[in-house]
Amino acid sequence: MGQYWFPVNFDKKEYFDPHEVGSGLKIREQMMTAPGSGAALLWLLSDRWQGDRVALIGDDNDKDSPLVEKHIHGENPFTDISAVIAREIEEVLGGKYTQSDSWAIWNDEPGNPGTRKGK
């Protein structure tokens, strides 16, 4: 099935959900989509997360993975900044994310209801 990965900032206690920036949760899915997780990480590392302890935490094929459970799904999870980073990417790149059944779809063409780049 594959391992699911979440970008987290241990200093600011924040994370974002790759689905909300047009990517799947597996590494290959995150590498294939644009602007997606790669753009989100570059944007965050150049500004908001610059100099912080940042990592990708995986579920090790187990939804009860200690790191994912603690920081994403736990009683006191890190703050989800997915909506914030999605809006910043839209502003910088001049496109729009729209929601689909599984994850957000990037649209950078006027009149187009959405395109999944890199797929």
Protein backbone atom coordinates (compact mmCIF):
# COMPACT_ATOMS: atom_id res chain seq x y z
CA MET A 1 0.00 0.00 0.00
CA GLY A 2 2.81 2.45 0.74
CA GLN A 3 3.80 4.83 3.45
CA TYR A 4 2.02 8.15 3.97
CA TRP A 5 4.16 11.22 4.72
CA PHE A 6 3.33 14.50 6.44
CA PRO A 7 5.61 17.58 6.50
CA VAL A 8 5.88 18.90 10.07
CA ASN A 9 7.62 21.74 11.87
CA PHE A 10 8.67 20.63 15.35
CA ASP A 11 9.60 24.17 16.48
CA LYS A 12 6.33 25.85 15.51
CA LYS A 13 4.25 22.69 16.09
CA GLU A 14 2.69 22.96 12.62
CA TYR A 15 2.06 20.63 9.70
CA PHE A 16 0.24 20.65 6.40
CA ASP A 17 -1.81 17.97 4.72
CA PRO A 18 -0.43 17.24 1.23
CA HIS A 19 -3.99 16.57 0.00
CA GLU A 20 -4.83 20.23 0.57
CA VAL A 21 -2.06 21.42 -1.77
CA GLY A 22 -2.86 19.00 -4.57
CA SER A 23 -0.68 16.01 -3.65
CA GLY A 24 -1.23 12.48 -2.48
CA LEU A 25 0.31 11.30 0.77
CA LYS A 26 2.89 8.89 -0.66
CA ILE A 27 6.34 10.20 -1.60
CA ARG A 28 5.94 9.47 -5.31
CA GLU A 29 2.55 11.22 -5.36
CA GLN A 30 4.09 14.24 -3.66
CA MET A 31 6.99 14.29 -6.14
CA MET A 32 4.70 14.05 -9.19
CA THR A 33 2.32 16.91 -8.48
CA ALA A 34 2.89 20.58 -9.12
CA PRO A 35 2.61 22.93 -7.44
CA GLY A 36 1.85 20.45 -4.58
CA SER A 37 3.92 19.54 -1.54
CA GLY A 38 7.25 20.48 -3.10
CA ALA A 39 6.13 24.05 -3.75
CA ALA A 40 4.58 24.26 -0.28
CA LEU A 41 7.80 23.08 1.38
CA LEU A 42 9.98 25.46 -0.64
CA TRP A 43 7.69 28.35 0.21
CA LEU A 44 7.60 27.48 3.91
CA LEU A 45 11.37 26.86 4.16
CA SER A 46 12.13 30.20 2.53
CA ASP A 47 9.93 32.12 4.96
CA ARG A 48 7.70 30.87 7.78
CA TRP A 49 9.72 27.70 8.55
CA GLN A 50 13.19 29.08 7.78
CA GLY A 51 15.74 27.81 10.29
CA ASP A 52 13.25 25.55 12.08
CA ARG A 53 13.46 21.80 12.69
CA VAL A 54 11.36 20.39 9.85
CA ALA A 55 10.83 16.75 8.88
CA LEU A 56 8.63 14.40 6.93
CA ILE A 57 7.02 11.96 9.32
CA GLY A 58 5.66 8.71 7.96
CA ASP A 59 3.09 6.28 9.18
CA ASP A 60 5.30 3.21 8.55
CA ASN A 61 2.31 1.54 6.88
CA ASP A 62 0.51 1.77 10.21
CA LYS A 63 -2.18 4.34 10.96
CA ASP A 64 -1.20 4.10 14.63
CA SER A 65 2.39 5.20 13.98
CA PRO A 66 3.63 7.00 17.12
CA LEU A 67 4.79 10.18 15.36
CA VAL A 68 1.76 10.54 13.10
CA GLU A 69 -0.61 9.63 15.92
CA LYS A 70 0.98 12.12 18.31
CA HIS A 71 1.48 15.11 15.99
CA ILE A 72 -1.32 14.76 13.43
CA HIS A 73 -4.17 12.77 15.00
CA GLY A 74 -3.45 12.92 18.74
CA GLU A 75 -5.12 14.70 21.62
CA ASN A 76 -2.95 17.80 21.18
CA PRO A 77 -2.02 17.72 17.50
CA PHE A 78 0.18 20.25 15.78
CA THR A 79 -1.64 23.12 14.07
CA ASP A 80 -2.79 22.32 10.54
CA ILE A 81 -1.70 25.22 8.29
CA SER A 82 -2.90 23.57 5.05
CA ALA A 83 -5.47 26.25 4.21
CA VAL A 84 -2.96 29.04 4.90
CA ILE A 85 -0.24 27.59 2.68
CA ALA A 86 -2.74 26.72 -0.09
CA ARG A 87 -3.93 30.36 -0.17
CA GLU A 88 -0.33 31.62 -0.24
CA ILE A 89 0.52 29.33 -3.18
CA GLU A 90 -2.60 30.52 -5.02
CA GLU A 91 -1.57 34.15 -4.51
CA VAL A 92 2.06 33.65 -5.55
CA LEU A 93 1.39 31.43 -8.58
CA GLY A 94 -1.89 32.99 -9.69
CA GLY A 95 -3.95 29.80 -9.68
CA LYS A 96 -6.67 28.21 -7.59
CA TYR A 97 -7.14 24.94 -5.73
CA THR A 98 -10.53 23.29 -5.99
CA GLN A 99 -11.62 20.31 -3.90
CA SER A 100 -12.22 16.92 -5.46
CA ASP A 101 -13.29 13.67 -3.80
CA SER A 102 -9.73 12.81 -2.80
CA TRP A 103 -7.54 15.92 -2.77
CA ALA A 104 -7.31 19.47 -4.06
CA ILE A 105 -6.80 20.02 -7.78
CA TRP A 106 -4.64 22.88 -9.08
CA ASN A 107 -6.14 25.13 -11.72
CA ASP A 108 -3.98 27.78 -13.36
CA GLU A 109 -5.99 28.18 -16.56
CA PRO A 110 -8.96 30.59 -16.64
CA GLY A 111 -12.22 28.75 -17.30
CA ASN A 112 -10.73 25.31 -16.58
CA PRO A 113 -12.42 23.54 -13.62
CA GLY A 114 -9.12 21.98 -12.52
CA THR A 115 -6.07 20.14 -13.71
CA ARG A 116 -3.82 17.75 -11.85
CA LYS A 117 -0.36 18.62 -13.08
CA GLY A 118 2.26 15.89 -13.21
CA LYS A 119 -0.20 13.02 -13.44
